[in-house]
């Protein structure tokens, strides 16, 4: 049986100061209060491509429709072995992320240095991959 995996997006934009910001979410619930943030992500539905799942999950969690996306590849959580597939792309102009479902209690653009501190340690590799993609 295949290991569990999720597909998600790392949407980016220039912030008010011109610095790079990325869209992150924080899981809701008391259990997750002190847990790290994440890229918007979730499991693909049967017959759904990884990219379509990433777009759907981003919309469901943040209310943001992803535009053009490129694959950043995947990472594997060191502890659980769960694989996370990530697609990156520019955030739609003037989008306003919101908590669009019960699964998240925060959905916002975060400056890259702050994102590094907030993001799940295993997902930080996506920030490195994004920097490589953009430079």
N, C-alpha and C. Protein backbone atom coordinates (compact mmCIF):
# COMPACT_ATOMS: atom_id res chain seq x y z
N UNK A 1 0.83 -1.19 0.00
CA UNK A 1 0.00 0.00 0.00
C UNK A 1 0.88 1.25 0.00
N UNK A 2 0.50 2.24 -0.79
CA UNK A 2 1.28 3.46 -0.90
C UNK A 2 1.16 4.28 0.38
N UNK A 3 2.25 4.96 0.72
CA UNK A 3 2.24 5.86 1.87
C UNK A 3 1.32 7.04 1.60
N UNK A 4 0.77 7.58 2.68
CA UNK A 4 -0.08 8.76 2.58
C UNK A 4 0.75 9.92 2.03
N UNK A 5 0.10 10.77 1.21
CA UNK A 5 0.78 11.97 0.75
C UNK A 5 -0.24 13.08 0.52
N UNK A 6 0.27 14.30 0.46
CA UNK A 6 -0.55 15.48 0.23
C UNK A 6 0.06 16.32 -0.87
N UNK A 7 -0.78 17.13 -1.50
CA UNK A 7 -0.34 18.08 -2.52
C UNK A 7 -0.70 19.48 -2.06
N UNK A 8 0.21 20.42 -2.27
CA UNK A 8 -0.05 21.78 -1.84
C UNK A 8 0.65 22.81 -2.70
N UNK A 9 0.44 24.08 -2.32
CA UNK A 9 1.05 25.18 -3.07
C UNK A 9 1.89 26.05 -2.16
N UNK A 10 2.86 26.69 -2.76
CA UNK A 10 3.63 27.74 -2.12
C UNK A 10 3.48 28.96 -3.03
N UNK A 11 2.42 29.74 -2.75
CA UNK A 11 2.16 30.95 -3.54
C UNK A 11 2.98 32.10 -2.95
N UNK A 12 3.49 32.96 -3.82
CA UNK A 12 4.37 34.03 -3.37
C UNK A 12 3.97 35.36 -4.01
N UNK A 13 4.41 36.43 -3.36
CA UNK A 13 4.19 37.78 -3.88
C UNK A 13 5.23 38.71 -3.25
N UNK A 14 5.34 39.90 -3.83
CA UNK A 14 6.16 40.95 -3.22
C UNK A 14 5.30 41.65 -2.18
N UNK A 15 5.81 41.76 -0.97
CA UNK A 15 5.09 42.45 0.09
C UNK A 15 5.16 43.95 -0.08
N UNK A 16 4.58 44.67 0.86
CA UNK A 16 4.54 46.13 0.79
C UNK A 16 5.94 46.74 0.74
N UNK A 17 6.91 46.08 1.37
CA UNK A 17 8.28 46.60 1.36
C UNK A 17 9.09 46.06 0.17
N UNK A 18 8.45 45.24 -0.66
CA UNK A 18 9.13 44.65 -1.81
C UNK A 18 9.75 43.30 -1.51
N UNK A 19 9.76 42.90 -0.23
CA UNK A 19 10.31 41.61 0.15
C UNK A 19 9.35 40.48 -0.20
N UNK A 20 9.90 39.31 -0.45
CA UNK A 20 9.10 38.15 -0.82
C UNK A 20 8.27 37.67 0.36
N UNK A 21 6.99 37.39 0.09
CA UNK A 21 6.08 36.80 1.08
C UNK A 21 5.49 35.53 0.49
N UNK A 22 5.16 34.57 1.37
CA UNK A 22 4.54 33.32 0.93
C UNK A 22 3.26 33.09 1.71
N UNK A 23 2.30 32.40 1.08
CA UNK A 23 1.02 32.11 1.69
C UNK A 23 1.12 30.83 2.53
N UNK A 24 0.87 30.96 3.83
CA UNK A 24 0.91 29.83 4.75
C UNK A 24 -0.39 29.73 5.52
N UNK A 25 -0.64 28.56 6.08
CA UNK A 25 -1.82 28.33 6.92
C UNK A 25 -1.38 27.71 8.23
N UNK A 26 -2.22 27.90 9.25
CA UNK A 26 -1.98 27.26 10.54
C UNK A 26 -3.17 26.36 10.84
N UNK A 27 -2.92 25.10 11.25
CA UNK A 27 -4.03 24.18 11.53
C UNK A 27 -4.82 24.62 12.76
N UNK A 28 -6.13 24.43 12.70
CA UNK A 28 -7.00 24.87 13.80
C UNK A 28 -7.08 23.80 14.90
N UNK A 29 -7.66 24.19 16.01
CA UNK A 29 -7.91 23.28 17.12
C UNK A 29 -6.90 23.42 18.23
N UNK A 30 -7.35 23.12 19.44
CA UNK A 30 -6.48 23.22 20.62
C UNK A 30 -5.23 22.35 20.48
N UNK A 31 -5.38 21.17 19.90
CA UNK A 31 -4.26 20.25 19.73
C UNK A 31 -3.14 20.90 18.91
N UNK A 32 -3.52 21.74 17.95
CA UNK A 32 -2.55 22.34 17.03
C UNK A 32 -2.07 23.73 17.46
N UNK A 33 -2.53 24.20 18.61
CA UNK A 33 -2.21 25.57 19.02
C UNK A 33 -0.72 25.89 18.91
N UNK A 34 0.15 25.03 19.38
CA UNK A 34 1.59 25.28 19.34
C UNK A 34 2.30 24.64 18.16
N UNK A 35 1.54 24.07 17.25
CA UNK A 35 2.12 23.35 16.11
C UNK A 35 2.59 24.34 15.03
N UNK A 36 3.52 23.89 14.17
CA UNK A 36 4.01 24.77 13.12
C UNK A 36 2.98 25.02 12.02
N UNK A 37 3.22 26.05 11.26
CA UNK A 37 2.40 26.40 10.10
C UNK A 37 2.75 25.46 8.95
N UNK A 38 1.99 25.59 7.84
CA UNK A 38 2.15 24.69 6.70
C UNK A 38 1.84 25.44 5.41
N UNK A 39 2.24 24.84 4.31
CA UNK A 39 1.69 25.28 3.03
C UNK A 39 0.25 24.78 2.98
N UNK A 40 -0.65 25.44 2.26
CA UNK A 40 -1.99 24.87 2.07
C UNK A 40 -1.86 23.55 1.31
N UNK A 41 -2.42 22.48 1.85
CA UNK A 41 -2.23 21.17 1.23
C UNK A 41 -3.30 20.20 1.68
N UNK A 42 -3.39 19.09 0.96
CA UNK A 42 -4.30 18.03 1.34
C UNK A 42 -4.17 16.85 0.40
N UNK A 43 -4.91 15.80 0.70
CA UNK A 43 -4.84 14.57 -0.09
C UNK A 43 -5.64 14.69 -1.38
N UNK A 44 -5.09 14.19 -2.49
CA UNK A 44 -5.84 14.19 -3.74
C UNK A 44 -7.06 13.27 -3.66
N UNK A 45 -8.11 13.67 -4.34
CA UNK A 45 -9.29 12.82 -4.49
C UNK A 45 -9.00 11.78 -5.56
N UNK A 46 -9.72 10.66 -5.58
CA UNK A 46 -9.50 9.65 -6.63
C UNK A 46 -9.60 10.27 -8.02
N UNK A 47 -8.61 10.00 -8.86
CA UNK A 47 -8.60 10.50 -10.23
C UNK A 47 -8.12 11.94 -10.37
N UNK A 48 -7.81 12.61 -9.28
CA UNK A 48 -7.37 14.00 -9.32
C UNK A 48 -5.85 14.06 -9.43
N UNK A 49 -5.33 14.93 -10.30
CA UNK A 49 -3.88 15.09 -10.40
C UNK A 49 -3.36 15.79 -9.15
N UNK A 50 -2.06 15.66 -8.92
CA UNK A 50 -1.45 16.33 -7.77
C UNK A 50 -1.64 17.85 -7.87
N UNK A 51 -1.46 18.40 -9.06
CA UNK A 51 -1.60 19.85 -9.21
C UNK A 51 -3.05 20.29 -9.00
N UNK A 52 -4.00 19.53 -9.52
CA UNK A 52 -5.41 19.87 -9.29
C UNK A 52 -5.76 19.79 -7.81
N UNK A 53 -5.23 18.81 -7.12
CA UNK A 53 -5.47 18.68 -5.68
C UNK A 53 -4.87 19.87 -4.94
N UNK A 54 -3.66 20.28 -5.33
CA UNK A 54 -3.01 21.43 -4.70
C UNK A 54 -3.84 22.69 -4.89
N UNK A 55 -4.35 22.90 -6.10
CA UNK A 55 -5.20 24.07 -6.36
C UNK A 55 -6.48 24.02 -5.53
N UNK A 56 -7.12 22.86 -5.50
CA UNK A 56 -8.37 22.71 -4.75
C UNK A 56 -8.15 22.96 -3.27
N UNK A 57 -7.13 22.34 -2.72
CA UNK A 57 -6.85 22.49 -1.29
C UNK A 57 -6.51 23.94 -0.93
N UNK A 58 -5.78 24.62 -1.79
CA UNK A 58 -5.46 26.02 -1.54
C UNK A 58 -6.73 26.86 -1.53
N UNK A 59 -7.63 26.60 -2.47
CA UNK A 59 -8.91 27.32 -2.51
C UNK A 59 -9.74 27.00 -1.26
N UNK A 60 -9.83 25.71 -0.94
CA UNK A 60 -10.65 25.29 0.20
C UNK A 60 -10.14 25.85 1.53
N UNK A 61 -8.82 25.98 1.67
CA UNK A 61 -8.26 26.43 2.95
C UNK A 61 -8.10 27.94 3.04
N UNK A 62 -7.88 28.63 1.90
CA UNK A 62 -7.53 30.06 1.95
C UNK A 62 -8.45 30.95 1.13
N UNK A 63 -9.29 30.37 0.26
CA UNK A 63 -10.11 31.18 -0.62
C UNK A 63 -9.34 31.82 -1.75
N UNK A 64 -8.10 31.38 -1.98
CA UNK A 64 -7.25 31.93 -3.05
C UNK A 64 -7.18 30.92 -4.19
N UNK A 65 -7.47 31.40 -5.41
CA UNK A 65 -7.36 30.57 -6.62
C UNK A 65 -5.95 30.71 -7.18
N UNK A 66 -5.24 29.61 -7.22
CA UNK A 66 -3.87 29.64 -7.74
C UNK A 66 -3.88 29.82 -9.25
N UNK A 67 -2.95 30.62 -9.74
CA UNK A 67 -2.75 30.81 -11.18
C UNK A 67 -1.76 29.78 -11.70
N UNK A 68 -0.85 30.21 -12.58
CA UNK A 68 0.16 29.29 -13.13
C UNK A 68 1.04 28.72 -12.03
N UNK A 69 1.28 27.42 -12.11
CA UNK A 69 2.09 26.74 -11.10
C UNK A 69 3.20 25.92 -11.76
N UNK A 70 4.32 25.78 -11.05
CA UNK A 70 5.40 24.89 -11.47
C UNK A 70 5.71 23.96 -10.30
N UNK A 71 6.15 22.78 -10.60
CA UNK A 71 6.46 21.80 -9.56
C UNK A 71 7.75 22.18 -8.83
N UNK A 72 7.70 22.12 -7.51
CA UNK A 72 8.92 22.25 -6.70
C UNK A 72 9.42 20.87 -6.29
N UNK A 73 8.70 19.84 -6.65
CA UNK A 73 9.08 18.49 -6.24
C UNK A 73 8.39 18.10 -4.95
N UNK A 74 9.03 17.26 -4.17
CA UNK A 74 8.40 16.78 -2.94
C UNK A 74 9.44 16.61 -1.84
N UNK A 75 8.92 16.54 -0.63
CA UNK A 75 9.74 16.23 0.55
C UNK A 75 9.06 15.07 1.26
N UNK A 76 9.79 14.43 2.16
CA UNK A 76 9.23 13.36 2.97
C UNK A 76 9.46 13.73 4.43
N UNK A 77 8.38 13.72 5.21
CA UNK A 77 8.51 13.99 6.64
C UNK A 77 9.43 12.96 7.27
N UNK A 78 10.40 13.44 8.03
CA UNK A 78 11.36 12.53 8.67
C UNK A 78 10.69 11.60 9.67
N UNK A 79 9.72 12.10 10.41
CA UNK A 79 9.11 11.29 11.48
C UNK A 79 8.06 10.31 10.94
N UNK A 80 7.11 10.79 10.13
CA UNK A 80 5.99 9.95 9.70
C UNK A 80 6.22 9.25 8.37
N UNK A 81 7.13 9.78 7.55
CA UNK A 81 7.33 9.23 6.22
C UNK A 81 6.32 9.74 5.19
N UNK A 82 5.41 10.62 5.61
CA UNK A 82 4.41 11.19 4.68
C UNK A 82 5.12 12.07 3.66
N UNK A 83 4.72 11.93 2.40
CA UNK A 83 5.30 12.73 1.31
C UNK A 83 4.42 13.93 1.04
N UNK A 84 5.04 15.09 0.82
CA UNK A 84 4.33 16.32 0.48
C UNK A 84 4.83 16.79 -0.87
N UNK A 85 3.92 16.92 -1.83
CA UNK A 85 4.21 17.41 -3.17
C UNK A 85 3.84 18.89 -3.20
N UNK A 86 4.72 19.72 -3.76
CA UNK A 86 4.48 21.17 -3.73
C UNK A 86 4.61 21.79 -5.11
N UNK A 87 3.70 22.73 -5.39
CA UNK A 87 3.71 23.51 -6.61
C UNK A 87 3.80 24.98 -6.22
N UNK A 88 4.63 25.73 -6.93
CA UNK A 88 4.82 27.15 -6.62
C UNK A 88 4.29 28.01 -7.76
N UNK A 89 3.87 29.21 -7.38
CA UNK A 89 3.42 30.17 -8.40
C UNK A 89 3.16 31.52 -7.76
N UNK A 90 3.10 32.55 -8.62
CA UNK A 90 2.79 33.87 -8.10
C UNK A 90 1.35 33.91 -7.60
N UNK A 91 1.14 34.60 -6.49
CA UNK A 91 -0.21 34.76 -5.97
C UNK A 91 -0.99 35.69 -6.89
N UNK A 92 -2.28 35.46 -7.07
CA UNK A 92 -3.09 36.38 -7.86
C UNK A 92 -3.01 37.80 -7.28
N UNK A 93 -2.94 38.77 -8.15
CA UNK A 93 -2.82 40.16 -7.74
C UNK A 93 -3.95 40.55 -6.78
N UNK A 94 -3.59 41.15 -5.68
CA UNK A 94 -4.52 41.66 -4.68
C UNK A 94 -5.44 40.60 -4.05
N UNK A 95 -5.03 39.33 -4.06
CA UNK A 95 -5.85 38.32 -3.40
C UNK A 95 -5.84 38.56 -1.89
N UNK A 96 -6.91 38.18 -1.25
CA UNK A 96 -7.05 38.35 0.21
C UNK A 96 -7.30 36.98 0.84
N UNK A 97 -6.25 36.31 1.33
CA UNK A 97 -6.47 35.00 1.94
C UNK A 97 -7.33 35.11 3.19
N UNK A 98 -8.08 34.04 3.44
CA UNK A 98 -8.94 33.98 4.62
C UNK A 98 -9.02 32.52 5.06
N UNK A 99 -9.46 32.31 6.27
CA UNK A 99 -9.69 30.95 6.75
C UNK A 99 -10.99 30.49 6.11
N UNK A 100 -10.89 29.68 5.08
CA UNK A 100 -12.05 29.30 4.28
C UNK A 100 -12.67 27.97 4.71
N UNK A 101 -12.08 27.31 5.70
CA UNK A 101 -12.63 26.05 6.20
C UNK A 101 -12.23 25.87 7.65
N UNK A 102 -12.83 24.89 8.28
CA UNK A 102 -12.57 24.63 9.70
C UNK A 102 -11.17 24.11 9.97
N UNK A 103 -10.48 23.64 8.94
CA UNK A 103 -9.17 23.02 9.13
C UNK A 103 -8.07 24.00 9.51
N UNK A 104 -8.26 25.29 9.20
CA UNK A 104 -7.22 26.28 9.49
C UNK A 104 -7.78 27.43 10.31
N UNK A 105 -6.93 27.96 11.21
CA UNK A 105 -7.34 29.13 11.98
C UNK A 105 -6.58 30.39 11.58
N UNK A 106 -5.61 30.24 10.69
CA UNK A 106 -4.87 31.39 10.13
C UNK A 106 -4.53 31.07 8.69
N UNK A 107 -4.64 32.06 7.83
CA UNK A 107 -4.25 31.96 6.42
C UNK A 107 -3.75 33.33 6.03
N UNK A 108 -2.44 33.45 5.82
CA UNK A 108 -1.91 34.78 5.54
C UNK A 108 -0.57 34.71 4.82
N UNK A 109 -0.24 35.85 4.18
CA UNK A 109 1.08 36.00 3.57
C UNK A 109 2.07 36.38 4.65
N UNK A 110 3.21 35.71 4.64
CA UNK A 110 4.23 35.88 5.67
C UNK A 110 5.56 36.18 4.97
N UNK A 111 6.31 37.19 5.46
CA UNK A 111 7.64 37.45 4.89
C UNK A 111 8.52 36.20 4.99
N UNK A 112 9.37 36.01 4.00
CA UNK A 112 10.18 34.79 3.91
C UNK A 112 10.97 34.47 5.19
N UNK A 113 11.67 35.43 5.83
CA UNK A 113 12.40 35.07 7.06
C UNK A 113 11.46 34.58 8.17
N UNK A 114 10.30 35.20 8.31
CA UNK A 114 9.33 34.77 9.32
C UNK A 114 8.76 33.40 8.95
N UNK A 115 8.53 33.18 7.65
CA UNK A 115 8.00 31.90 7.18
C UNK A 115 8.94 30.76 7.58
N UNK A 116 10.24 31.01 7.48
CA UNK A 116 11.22 29.98 7.85
C UNK A 116 11.03 29.56 9.30
N UNK A 117 10.77 30.54 10.18
CA UNK A 117 10.59 30.24 11.60
C UNK A 117 9.26 29.57 11.90
N UNK A 118 8.20 29.92 11.15
CA UNK A 118 6.86 29.40 11.41
C UNK A 118 6.60 28.02 10.80
N UNK A 119 7.20 27.77 9.64
CA UNK A 119 6.87 26.60 8.84
C UNK A 119 7.36 25.30 9.48
N UNK A 120 6.60 24.24 9.24
CA UNK A 120 7.01 22.89 9.68
C UNK A 120 8.45 22.68 9.22
N UNK A 121 9.34 22.23 10.12
CA UNK A 121 10.75 22.10 9.76
C UNK A 121 11.01 21.30 8.49
N UNK A 122 10.27 20.24 8.25
CA UNK A 122 10.49 19.44 7.04
C UNK A 122 10.05 20.19 5.79
N UNK A 123 9.09 21.11 5.92
CA UNK A 123 8.60 21.86 4.76
C UNK A 123 9.50 23.05 4.41
N UNK A 124 10.45 23.38 5.27
CA UNK A 124 11.35 24.51 4.99
C UNK A 124 12.13 24.31 3.70
N UNK A 125 12.32 23.07 3.31
CA UNK A 125 13.03 22.77 2.06
C UNK A 125 12.31 23.43 0.88
N UNK A 126 10.97 23.56 0.96
CA UNK A 126 10.24 24.21 -0.13
C UNK A 126 10.63 25.69 -0.26
N UNK A 127 10.94 26.34 0.85
CA UNK A 127 11.39 27.74 0.79
C UNK A 127 12.72 27.84 0.07
N UNK A 128 13.62 26.90 0.35
CA UNK A 128 14.91 26.87 -0.34
C UNK A 128 14.70 26.63 -1.84
N UNK A 129 13.82 25.68 -2.17
CA UNK A 129 13.53 25.38 -3.57
C UNK A 129 12.93 26.60 -4.28
N UNK A 130 12.06 27.33 -3.58
CA UNK A 130 11.45 28.53 -4.16
C UNK A 130 12.51 29.59 -4.44
N UNK A 131 13.43 29.79 -3.50
CA UNK A 131 14.50 30.77 -3.73
C UNK A 131 15.31 30.40 -4.97
N UNK A 132 15.62 29.10 -5.12
CA UNK A 132 16.37 28.65 -6.30
C UNK A 132 15.58 28.92 -7.57
N UNK A 133 14.28 28.66 -7.54
CA UNK A 133 13.42 28.86 -8.70
C UNK A 133 13.39 30.32 -9.12
N UNK A 134 13.35 31.21 -8.15
CA UNK A 134 13.20 32.64 -8.44
C UNK A 134 14.51 33.37 -8.73
N UNK A 135 15.64 32.70 -8.49
CA UNK A 135 16.93 33.37 -8.74
C UNK A 135 17.69 32.77 -9.88
